N, C-alpha and C. Protein backbone atom coordinates (compact mmCIF):
# COMPACT_ATOMS: atom_id res chain seq x y z
N MET A 1 -158.48 223.31 94.05
CA MET A 1 -158.24 223.85 95.36
C MET A 1 -158.15 222.69 96.36
N ALA A 2 -157.16 222.77 97.23
CA ALA A 2 -156.96 221.74 98.24
C ALA A 2 -158.00 221.85 99.35
N LYS A 3 -158.37 220.72 99.90
CA LYS A 3 -159.30 220.68 101.03
C LYS A 3 -158.56 220.08 102.22
N ILE A 4 -158.50 220.84 103.30
CA ILE A 4 -157.82 220.39 104.51
C ILE A 4 -158.81 220.40 105.67
N THR A 5 -158.79 219.32 106.43
CA THR A 5 -159.62 219.24 107.62
C THR A 5 -158.71 219.34 108.84
N ILE A 6 -159.09 220.22 109.75
CA ILE A 6 -158.39 220.36 111.03
C ILE A 6 -159.25 219.68 112.09
N VAL A 7 -158.67 218.71 112.78
CA VAL A 7 -159.37 217.99 113.84
C VAL A 7 -158.76 218.44 115.16
N THR A 8 -159.59 219.07 116.01
CA THR A 8 -159.08 219.55 117.29
C THR A 8 -159.59 218.68 118.42
N GLY A 9 -158.70 218.37 119.33
CA GLY A 9 -159.03 217.50 120.45
C GLY A 9 -159.10 218.22 121.77
N GLY A 10 -159.47 219.50 121.75
CA GLY A 10 -159.62 220.24 123.00
C GLY A 10 -160.99 220.02 123.61
N ASN A 11 -161.18 220.58 124.79
CA ASN A 11 -162.47 220.41 125.45
C ASN A 11 -163.26 221.71 125.58
N SER A 12 -162.79 222.77 124.92
CA SER A 12 -163.47 224.06 124.99
C SER A 12 -163.02 224.92 123.81
N ILE A 13 -163.90 225.82 123.39
CA ILE A 13 -163.46 226.77 122.36
C ILE A 13 -162.84 228.00 123.00
N HIS A 14 -162.85 228.07 124.31
CA HIS A 14 -162.26 229.21 125.03
C HIS A 14 -161.01 228.75 125.76
N SER A 15 -160.03 228.29 124.97
CA SER A 15 -158.77 227.83 125.55
C SER A 15 -157.62 228.27 124.65
N ARG A 16 -156.43 228.11 125.14
CA ARG A 16 -155.25 228.49 124.37
C ARG A 16 -155.15 227.67 123.07
N LEU A 17 -155.71 226.48 123.08
CA LEU A 17 -155.71 225.66 121.86
C LEU A 17 -156.41 226.41 120.73
N THR A 18 -157.44 227.17 121.05
CA THR A 18 -158.14 227.97 120.05
C THR A 18 -157.22 229.03 119.46
N GLY A 19 -156.31 229.56 120.26
CA GLY A 19 -155.33 230.52 119.74
C GLY A 19 -154.46 229.88 118.67
N VAL A 20 -154.02 228.65 118.90
CA VAL A 20 -153.22 227.93 117.90
C VAL A 20 -154.09 227.61 116.68
N LEU A 21 -155.31 227.15 116.92
CA LEU A 21 -156.23 226.85 115.83
C LEU A 21 -156.45 228.07 114.95
N ASN A 22 -156.72 229.22 115.55
CA ASN A 22 -156.96 230.43 114.77
C ASN A 22 -155.76 230.79 113.90
N HIS A 23 -154.56 230.64 114.45
CA HIS A 23 -153.35 230.94 113.68
C HIS A 23 -153.21 229.97 112.51
N VAL A 24 -153.44 228.70 112.75
CA VAL A 24 -153.32 227.69 111.69
C VAL A 24 -154.36 227.95 110.61
N GLN A 25 -155.58 228.28 111.00
CA GLN A 25 -156.62 228.57 110.02
C GLN A 25 -156.22 229.75 109.12
N ARG A 26 -155.76 230.83 109.74
CA ARG A 26 -155.34 231.99 108.94
C ARG A 26 -154.21 231.61 107.99
N GLY A 27 -153.26 230.83 108.47
CA GLY A 27 -152.13 230.44 107.63
C GLY A 27 -152.52 229.57 106.45
N LEU A 28 -153.49 228.70 106.66
CA LEU A 28 -153.92 227.80 105.58
C LEU A 28 -154.89 228.48 104.61
N GLU A 29 -155.68 229.43 105.10
CA GLU A 29 -156.66 230.10 104.26
C GLU A 29 -156.04 231.12 103.31
N GLU A 30 -154.79 231.53 103.57
CA GLU A 30 -154.13 232.54 102.74
C GLU A 30 -154.14 232.18 101.26
N ASP A 31 -153.97 230.92 100.95
CA ASP A 31 -153.86 230.48 99.56
C ASP A 31 -155.21 230.05 98.98
N GLY A 32 -156.29 230.31 99.69
CA GLY A 32 -157.60 229.90 99.19
C GLY A 32 -157.90 228.43 99.45
N THR A 33 -157.15 227.82 100.34
CA THR A 33 -157.41 226.43 100.69
C THR A 33 -158.79 226.31 101.32
N GLU A 34 -159.51 225.28 100.94
CA GLU A 34 -160.82 225.02 101.55
C GLU A 34 -160.58 224.33 102.88
N LEU A 35 -161.03 224.97 103.96
CA LEU A 35 -160.80 224.45 105.31
C LEU A 35 -162.09 223.94 105.94
N ASP A 36 -161.94 222.89 106.70
CA ASP A 36 -163.04 222.33 107.47
C ASP A 36 -162.47 222.06 108.86
N VAL A 37 -163.18 222.46 109.90
CA VAL A 37 -162.71 222.25 111.26
C VAL A 37 -163.70 221.34 111.99
N ILE A 38 -163.16 220.29 112.58
CA ILE A 38 -163.95 219.41 113.43
C ILE A 38 -163.50 219.62 114.86
N GLN A 39 -164.37 220.21 115.67
CA GLN A 39 -164.12 220.36 117.10
C GLN A 39 -164.74 219.11 117.74
N VAL A 40 -163.90 218.15 118.06
CA VAL A 40 -164.40 216.85 118.52
C VAL A 40 -165.32 216.99 119.73
N HIS A 41 -165.01 217.93 120.62
CA HIS A 41 -165.85 218.08 121.82
C HIS A 41 -167.27 218.54 121.49
N GLN A 42 -167.50 219.01 120.28
CA GLN A 42 -168.84 219.45 119.89
C GLN A 42 -169.66 218.32 119.25
N LEU A 43 -169.03 217.18 119.02
CA LEU A 43 -169.77 216.01 118.54
C LEU A 43 -170.53 215.39 119.71
N PRO A 44 -171.60 214.64 119.44
CA PRO A 44 -172.37 214.04 120.53
C PRO A 44 -171.50 213.08 121.36
N SER A 45 -171.35 213.40 122.64
CA SER A 45 -170.45 212.62 123.49
C SER A 45 -170.87 211.16 123.61
N ASN A 46 -172.14 210.90 123.75
CA ASN A 46 -172.58 209.52 123.88
C ASN A 46 -172.26 208.73 122.61
N ALA A 47 -172.46 209.34 121.46
CA ALA A 47 -172.15 208.66 120.19
C ALA A 47 -170.65 208.42 120.05
N LEU A 48 -169.84 209.37 120.51
CA LEU A 48 -168.38 209.17 120.48
C LEU A 48 -167.97 208.00 121.36
N LEU A 49 -168.47 208.00 122.59
CA LEU A 49 -168.05 207.00 123.57
C LEU A 49 -168.57 205.60 123.27
N THR A 50 -169.71 205.52 122.61
CA THR A 50 -170.27 204.20 122.31
C THR A 50 -170.00 203.78 120.86
N ALA A 51 -169.20 204.58 120.15
CA ALA A 51 -168.88 204.29 118.74
C ALA A 51 -170.16 204.05 117.94
N ASP A 52 -171.06 205.00 118.04
CA ASP A 52 -172.36 204.91 117.38
C ASP A 52 -172.24 205.36 115.92
N PHE A 53 -171.99 204.39 115.05
CA PHE A 53 -171.82 204.69 113.63
C PHE A 53 -173.14 204.98 112.92
N SER A 54 -174.24 204.93 113.66
CA SER A 54 -175.52 205.32 113.07
C SER A 54 -175.82 206.79 113.34
N ASN A 55 -175.01 207.44 114.17
CA ASN A 55 -175.21 208.84 114.48
C ASN A 55 -174.78 209.70 113.28
N GLU A 56 -175.68 210.54 112.80
CA GLU A 56 -175.42 211.34 111.60
C GLU A 56 -174.22 212.27 111.75
N GLU A 57 -174.06 212.88 112.92
CA GLU A 57 -172.94 213.80 113.13
C GLU A 57 -171.60 213.06 113.10
N ILE A 58 -171.56 211.88 113.66
CA ILE A 58 -170.34 211.07 113.64
C ILE A 58 -170.02 210.64 112.21
N VAL A 59 -171.02 210.14 111.51
CA VAL A 59 -170.83 209.71 110.12
C VAL A 59 -170.34 210.87 109.26
N GLU A 60 -170.94 212.04 109.46
CA GLU A 60 -170.56 213.21 108.67
C GLU A 60 -169.12 213.64 108.98
N ALA A 61 -168.73 213.62 110.26
CA ALA A 61 -167.37 214.00 110.64
C ALA A 61 -166.34 213.05 110.03
N ILE A 62 -166.63 211.77 110.04
CA ILE A 62 -165.73 210.78 109.43
C ILE A 62 -165.63 211.03 107.92
N GLU A 63 -166.74 211.33 107.29
CA GLU A 63 -166.75 211.60 105.85
C GLU A 63 -165.93 212.84 105.52
N ARG A 64 -165.98 213.84 106.38
CA ARG A 64 -165.20 215.06 106.15
C ARG A 64 -163.70 214.76 106.14
N VAL A 65 -163.27 213.85 106.99
CA VAL A 65 -161.86 213.44 106.99
C VAL A 65 -161.56 212.66 105.71
N LYS A 66 -162.45 211.75 105.33
CA LYS A 66 -162.24 210.91 104.14
C LYS A 66 -162.03 211.74 102.87
N VAL A 67 -162.78 212.81 102.70
CA VAL A 67 -162.74 213.57 101.44
C VAL A 67 -161.66 214.66 101.44
N SER A 68 -160.88 214.76 102.48
CA SER A 68 -159.85 215.78 102.57
C SER A 68 -158.57 215.36 101.85
N ASP A 69 -157.86 216.37 101.36
CA ASP A 69 -156.53 216.13 100.78
C ASP A 69 -155.47 216.07 101.87
N GLY A 70 -155.74 216.74 102.97
CA GLY A 70 -154.82 216.75 104.09
C GLY A 70 -155.57 216.90 105.39
N VAL A 71 -154.93 216.48 106.48
CA VAL A 71 -155.55 216.56 107.79
C VAL A 71 -154.52 217.12 108.78
N VAL A 72 -154.97 218.08 109.57
CA VAL A 72 -154.16 218.62 110.67
C VAL A 72 -154.81 218.16 111.96
N PHE A 73 -154.03 217.52 112.83
CA PHE A 73 -154.53 217.13 114.14
C PHE A 73 -153.93 218.08 115.17
N LEU A 74 -154.79 218.68 115.96
CA LEU A 74 -154.38 219.65 116.97
C LEU A 74 -154.91 219.20 118.32
N THR A 75 -153.99 219.02 119.27
CA THR A 75 -154.39 218.47 120.56
C THR A 75 -153.67 219.15 121.71
N PRO A 76 -154.35 219.30 122.83
CA PRO A 76 -153.63 219.64 124.05
C PRO A 76 -152.96 218.37 124.58
N VAL A 77 -151.97 218.56 125.41
CA VAL A 77 -151.29 217.41 126.01
C VAL A 77 -151.79 217.25 127.44
N TYR A 78 -152.27 216.06 127.74
CA TYR A 78 -152.70 215.71 129.09
C TYR A 78 -151.95 214.45 129.50
N LYS A 79 -151.26 214.51 130.64
CA LYS A 79 -150.55 213.35 131.18
C LYS A 79 -149.64 212.70 130.13
N ALA A 80 -148.88 213.53 129.45
CA ALA A 80 -147.88 213.09 128.46
C ALA A 80 -148.48 212.37 127.26
N ALA A 81 -149.72 212.66 126.92
CA ALA A 81 -150.34 212.04 125.74
C ALA A 81 -151.31 213.04 125.11
N TYR A 82 -151.74 212.71 123.91
CA TYR A 82 -152.77 213.54 123.27
C TYR A 82 -154.07 213.33 124.03
N SER A 83 -155.03 214.20 123.80
CA SER A 83 -156.25 214.20 124.61
C SER A 83 -157.10 212.95 124.39
N GLY A 84 -157.81 212.56 125.43
CA GLY A 84 -158.71 211.41 125.35
C GLY A 84 -159.83 211.63 124.36
N ILE A 85 -160.31 212.86 124.25
CA ILE A 85 -161.40 213.13 123.32
C ILE A 85 -160.93 212.94 121.87
N LEU A 86 -159.67 213.31 121.59
CA LEU A 86 -159.13 213.05 120.25
C LEU A 86 -159.01 211.54 120.04
N LYS A 87 -158.59 210.82 121.07
CA LYS A 87 -158.46 209.36 120.97
C LYS A 87 -159.79 208.72 120.62
N THR A 88 -160.88 209.18 121.23
CA THR A 88 -162.18 208.57 120.93
C THR A 88 -162.54 208.77 119.46
N PHE A 89 -162.20 209.95 118.91
CA PHE A 89 -162.50 210.20 117.50
C PHE A 89 -161.60 209.37 116.59
N LEU A 90 -160.32 209.31 116.91
CA LEU A 90 -159.39 208.52 116.10
C LEU A 90 -159.80 207.06 116.06
N ASP A 91 -160.33 206.57 117.16
CA ASP A 91 -160.78 205.17 117.23
C ASP A 91 -161.96 204.89 116.29
N LEU A 92 -162.69 205.91 115.92
CA LEU A 92 -163.84 205.74 115.03
C LEU A 92 -163.47 205.77 113.55
N LEU A 93 -162.28 206.27 113.24
CA LEU A 93 -161.88 206.41 111.83
C LEU A 93 -161.55 205.06 111.21
N PRO A 94 -161.90 204.86 109.95
CA PRO A 94 -161.57 203.62 109.25
C PRO A 94 -160.06 203.41 109.18
N GLN A 95 -159.66 202.16 109.10
CA GLN A 95 -158.25 201.76 109.18
C GLN A 95 -157.30 202.56 108.28
N LYS A 96 -157.61 202.79 107.04
CA LYS A 96 -156.68 203.45 106.12
C LYS A 96 -157.20 204.81 105.65
N VAL A 97 -157.96 205.49 106.48
CA VAL A 97 -158.58 206.75 106.11
C VAL A 97 -157.57 207.84 105.76
N LEU A 98 -156.36 207.77 106.29
CA LEU A 98 -155.36 208.81 106.03
C LEU A 98 -154.42 208.47 104.88
N GLN A 99 -154.65 207.35 104.23
CA GLN A 99 -153.80 206.94 103.12
C GLN A 99 -153.90 207.98 102.00
N GLY A 100 -152.74 208.42 101.51
CA GLY A 100 -152.70 209.40 100.43
C GLY A 100 -152.92 210.83 100.88
N LYS A 101 -153.01 211.07 102.18
CA LYS A 101 -153.23 212.42 102.70
C LYS A 101 -151.97 212.89 103.43
N ALA A 102 -151.68 214.16 103.30
CA ALA A 102 -150.61 214.75 104.09
C ALA A 102 -151.17 215.08 105.47
N VAL A 103 -150.42 214.76 106.51
CA VAL A 103 -150.89 214.96 107.88
C VAL A 103 -149.89 215.83 108.64
N LEU A 104 -150.43 216.79 109.37
CA LEU A 104 -149.60 217.66 110.21
C LEU A 104 -150.10 217.57 111.65
N PRO A 105 -149.30 216.99 112.56
CA PRO A 105 -149.68 216.93 113.97
C PRO A 105 -149.19 218.17 114.73
N LEU A 106 -150.05 218.73 115.55
CA LEU A 106 -149.71 219.90 116.37
C LEU A 106 -150.17 219.65 117.79
N ALA A 107 -149.37 220.11 118.76
CA ALA A 107 -149.74 219.91 120.16
C ALA A 107 -149.45 221.16 120.98
N LEU A 108 -150.21 221.33 122.03
CA LEU A 108 -150.06 222.44 122.97
C LEU A 108 -149.91 221.84 124.36
N GLY A 109 -148.83 222.20 125.05
CA GLY A 109 -148.62 221.64 126.37
C GLY A 109 -147.89 222.58 127.30
N GLY A 110 -147.79 222.19 128.55
CA GLY A 110 -147.24 223.05 129.57
C GLY A 110 -145.72 223.06 129.68
N THR A 111 -145.06 222.03 129.16
CA THR A 111 -143.61 221.94 129.31
C THR A 111 -143.00 221.19 128.13
N TYR A 112 -141.77 221.55 127.80
CA TYR A 112 -141.09 220.84 126.71
C TYR A 112 -140.83 219.38 127.07
N GLY A 113 -141.07 219.01 128.32
CA GLY A 113 -140.97 217.61 128.73
C GLY A 113 -141.99 216.74 128.01
N HIS A 114 -143.02 217.37 127.46
CA HIS A 114 -144.06 216.63 126.73
C HIS A 114 -143.89 216.72 125.21
N LEU A 115 -142.80 217.25 124.77
CA LEU A 115 -142.53 217.43 123.35
C LEU A 115 -142.64 216.13 122.56
N LEU A 116 -142.25 215.03 123.14
CA LEU A 116 -142.22 213.75 122.42
C LEU A 116 -143.59 213.12 122.24
N VAL A 117 -144.63 213.75 122.78
CA VAL A 117 -145.98 213.22 122.60
C VAL A 117 -146.32 213.12 121.11
N LEU A 118 -145.78 214.03 120.31
CA LEU A 118 -146.04 213.99 118.87
C LEU A 118 -145.48 212.72 118.24
N ASP A 119 -144.23 212.41 118.55
CA ASP A 119 -143.56 211.27 117.91
C ASP A 119 -143.90 209.92 118.53
N TYR A 120 -144.12 209.90 119.84
CA TYR A 120 -144.28 208.61 120.50
C TYR A 120 -145.72 208.26 120.88
N ALA A 121 -146.63 209.20 120.80
CA ALA A 121 -148.02 208.89 121.11
C ALA A 121 -148.91 209.10 119.89
N LEU A 122 -148.86 210.28 119.29
CA LEU A 122 -149.79 210.60 118.21
C LEU A 122 -149.36 210.02 116.86
N LYS A 123 -148.09 210.13 116.54
CA LYS A 123 -147.62 209.67 115.23
C LYS A 123 -147.89 208.18 114.96
N PRO A 124 -147.67 207.28 115.91
CA PRO A 124 -147.97 205.86 115.64
C PRO A 124 -149.44 205.61 115.29
N VAL A 125 -150.35 206.34 115.94
CA VAL A 125 -151.78 206.17 115.64
C VAL A 125 -152.07 206.69 114.23
N ILE A 126 -151.48 207.82 113.90
CA ILE A 126 -151.67 208.40 112.57
C ILE A 126 -151.14 207.43 111.50
N GLN A 127 -149.99 206.84 111.75
CA GLN A 127 -149.43 205.86 110.81
C GLN A 127 -150.36 204.64 110.69
N ASN A 128 -150.92 204.21 111.79
CA ASN A 128 -151.82 203.07 111.78
C ASN A 128 -153.08 203.36 110.96
N LEU A 129 -153.43 204.62 110.83
CA LEU A 129 -154.59 205.01 110.03
C LEU A 129 -154.22 205.20 108.56
N GLY A 130 -153.03 204.79 108.18
CA GLY A 130 -152.64 204.76 106.78
C GLY A 130 -151.81 205.91 106.29
N ALA A 131 -151.52 206.88 107.14
CA ALA A 131 -150.74 208.05 106.69
C ALA A 131 -149.29 207.64 106.40
N THR A 132 -148.82 208.06 105.25
CA THR A 132 -147.41 207.85 104.90
C THR A 132 -146.67 209.17 104.77
N VAL A 133 -147.41 210.26 104.66
CA VAL A 133 -146.80 211.59 104.58
C VAL A 133 -147.19 212.34 105.86
N ILE A 134 -146.34 212.19 106.87
CA ILE A 134 -146.58 212.86 108.15
C ILE A 134 -145.49 213.91 108.33
N HIS A 135 -145.92 215.14 108.38
CA HIS A 135 -144.97 216.24 108.52
C HIS A 135 -144.46 216.32 109.96
N THR A 136 -143.30 216.94 110.10
CA THR A 136 -142.75 217.18 111.42
C THR A 136 -143.72 218.07 112.18
N GLY A 137 -144.15 217.61 113.32
CA GLY A 137 -145.14 218.34 114.10
C GLY A 137 -144.54 219.54 114.81
N VAL A 138 -145.42 220.34 115.36
CA VAL A 138 -145.01 221.52 116.12
C VAL A 138 -145.63 221.41 117.51
N PHE A 139 -144.79 221.60 118.52
CA PHE A 139 -145.23 221.62 119.90
C PHE A 139 -145.15 223.07 120.38
N VAL A 140 -146.27 223.59 120.85
CA VAL A 140 -146.34 224.97 121.34
C VAL A 140 -146.57 224.92 122.85
N LEU A 141 -145.83 225.73 123.57
CA LEU A 141 -146.01 225.82 125.02
C LEU A 141 -147.22 226.68 125.35
N ASP A 142 -147.93 226.30 126.41
CA ASP A 142 -149.08 227.10 126.87
C ASP A 142 -148.71 228.57 127.02
N LYS A 143 -147.54 228.82 127.62
CA LYS A 143 -147.15 230.20 127.91
C LYS A 143 -146.86 231.01 126.64
N GLN A 144 -146.78 230.34 125.47
CA GLN A 144 -146.55 231.04 124.21
C GLN A 144 -147.85 231.53 123.59
N VAL A 145 -148.97 231.22 124.23
CA VAL A 145 -150.28 231.65 123.75
C VAL A 145 -150.92 232.50 124.85
N MET A 146 -151.07 233.79 124.56
CA MET A 146 -151.61 234.71 125.55
C MET A 146 -153.07 235.02 125.23
N LYS A 147 -153.91 234.86 126.25
CA LYS A 147 -155.33 235.19 126.08
C LYS A 147 -155.49 236.70 126.20
N GLN A 148 -156.28 237.25 125.27
CA GLN A 148 -156.55 238.68 125.28
C GLN A 148 -158.04 238.89 125.53
N GLU A 149 -158.51 240.09 125.32
CA GLU A 149 -159.92 240.39 125.53
C GLU A 149 -160.80 239.68 124.52
N GLU A 150 -162.04 239.44 124.91
CA GLU A 150 -163.07 238.88 124.03
C GLU A 150 -162.65 237.57 123.36
N ASN A 151 -162.04 236.69 124.14
CA ASN A 151 -161.63 235.37 123.67
C ASN A 151 -160.74 235.39 122.44
N GLN A 152 -159.88 236.38 122.38
CA GLN A 152 -158.86 236.46 121.33
C GLN A 152 -157.54 236.02 121.94
N TYR A 153 -156.62 235.56 121.06
CA TYR A 153 -155.34 235.04 121.53
C TYR A 153 -154.21 235.59 120.69
N ALA A 154 -153.05 235.74 121.31
CA ALA A 154 -151.84 236.16 120.60
C ALA A 154 -150.76 235.13 120.88
N LEU A 155 -150.02 234.77 119.84
CA LEU A 155 -148.93 233.82 119.99
C LEU A 155 -147.61 234.58 119.99
N ASP A 156 -146.65 234.10 120.77
CA ASP A 156 -145.36 234.77 120.77
C ASP A 156 -144.61 234.48 119.48
N LEU A 157 -143.60 235.27 119.21
CA LEU A 157 -142.89 235.24 117.93
C LEU A 157 -142.27 233.88 117.64
N GLU A 158 -141.71 233.22 118.65
CA GLU A 158 -141.07 231.93 118.42
C GLU A 158 -142.09 230.87 117.99
N ALA A 159 -143.25 230.85 118.63
CA ALA A 159 -144.30 229.91 118.25
C ALA A 159 -144.81 230.22 116.84
N VAL A 160 -145.01 231.49 116.55
CA VAL A 160 -145.48 231.91 115.22
C VAL A 160 -144.48 231.48 114.15
N THR A 161 -143.21 231.68 114.40
CA THR A 161 -142.17 231.31 113.43
C THR A 161 -142.18 229.81 113.16
N ARG A 162 -142.25 229.00 114.21
CA ARG A 162 -142.25 227.54 114.02
C ARG A 162 -143.52 227.06 113.34
N LEU A 163 -144.66 227.61 113.72
CA LEU A 163 -145.92 227.23 113.08
C LEU A 163 -145.94 227.64 111.61
N ASN A 164 -145.50 228.86 111.33
CA ASN A 164 -145.50 229.33 109.94
C ASN A 164 -144.58 228.50 109.06
N SER A 165 -143.45 228.11 109.59
CA SER A 165 -142.52 227.26 108.84
C SER A 165 -143.15 225.91 108.53
N ALA A 166 -143.77 225.31 109.53
CA ALA A 166 -144.43 224.01 109.32
C ALA A 166 -145.59 224.13 108.34
N LEU A 167 -146.36 225.20 108.45
CA LEU A 167 -147.50 225.39 107.55
C LEU A 167 -147.04 225.62 106.12
N ALA A 168 -145.95 226.34 105.93
CA ALA A 168 -145.44 226.58 104.58
C ALA A 168 -145.03 225.26 103.92
N LEU A 169 -144.33 224.40 104.64
CA LEU A 169 -143.93 223.10 104.10
C LEU A 169 -145.16 222.23 103.85
N TYR A 170 -146.11 222.28 104.75
CA TYR A 170 -147.33 221.48 104.63
C TYR A 170 -148.12 221.90 103.38
N LYS A 171 -148.32 223.21 103.22
CA LYS A 171 -149.07 223.70 102.06
C LYS A 171 -148.37 223.35 100.76
N LYS A 172 -147.06 223.43 100.77
CA LYS A 172 -146.29 223.08 99.58
C LYS A 172 -146.50 221.60 99.22
N SER A 173 -146.49 220.74 100.22
CA SER A 173 -146.66 219.31 99.93
C SER A 173 -148.09 219.00 99.51
N ILE A 174 -149.06 219.68 100.08
CA ILE A 174 -150.46 219.47 99.68
C ILE A 174 -150.63 219.85 98.22
N GLY A 175 -150.12 221.00 97.83
CA GLY A 175 -150.23 221.45 96.43
C GLY A 175 -149.53 220.50 95.49
N GLY A 176 -148.34 220.06 95.83
CA GLY A 176 -147.59 219.13 94.99
C GLY A 176 -148.26 217.78 94.88
N ARG A 177 -148.80 217.29 95.99
CA ARG A 177 -149.46 215.98 95.99
C ARG A 177 -150.73 216.03 95.14
N ILE A 178 -151.45 217.14 95.19
CA ILE A 178 -152.68 217.26 94.41
C ILE A 178 -152.34 217.31 92.93
N ASP A 179 -151.32 218.11 92.57
CA ASP A 179 -150.94 218.20 91.17
C ASP A 179 -150.51 216.84 90.63
N VAL A 180 -149.72 216.10 91.40
CA VAL A 180 -149.28 214.77 90.98
C VAL A 180 -150.47 213.84 90.85
N TYR A 181 -151.37 213.88 91.81
CA TYR A 181 -152.54 213.01 91.78
C TYR A 181 -153.37 213.28 90.54
N HIS A 182 -153.66 214.55 90.25
CA HIS A 182 -154.49 214.87 89.09
C HIS A 182 -153.80 214.52 87.77
N THR A 183 -152.49 214.66 87.72
CA THR A 183 -151.75 214.31 86.52
C THR A 183 -151.81 212.81 86.27
N GLN A 184 -151.67 212.03 87.34
CA GLN A 184 -151.66 210.58 87.20
C GLN A 184 -153.06 210.01 86.95
N HIS A 185 -154.09 210.69 87.39
CA HIS A 185 -155.44 210.14 87.30
C HIS A 185 -156.35 210.88 86.34
N SER A 186 -155.78 211.69 85.47
CA SER A 186 -156.61 212.44 84.51
C SER A 186 -156.90 211.61 83.29
């Protein structure tokens, strides 16, 4: 069974980003994939900001990324870039931690003017962390995620279609990469 870690760079669990996260989780769990979610804002802020590698929660979060077959990065867009809280976490990851892992970048923003944040801001950092299999990311507009009662969210059909397409390709590559890895290393 594949293990995928989703790293979210939002600042609240009560935001539209959670609507995208919930959809991605449901899509990945369909096949029995083992999922792990790291909500970066829930890690100790002082340890994040001071790069405290002796902090147990930070060490554990880094280890969760290390042992994953794939990683999904989900971020809101602020000032034409991925979130600062995600940046602090990415800065703590070892240089080649994403080597051999399939990576799917996802972003949520207010305008298609920020669409290139995936390719020009987030992707270079992901590549620097050793990723060689980076899937085409998905940019979702804020207005495509509607907040409903009791902190539930609904995504519009166009966002659902694009996310589902990306998730299908991602899951296919994760399964294929794992099968190849086990065949070569058995």
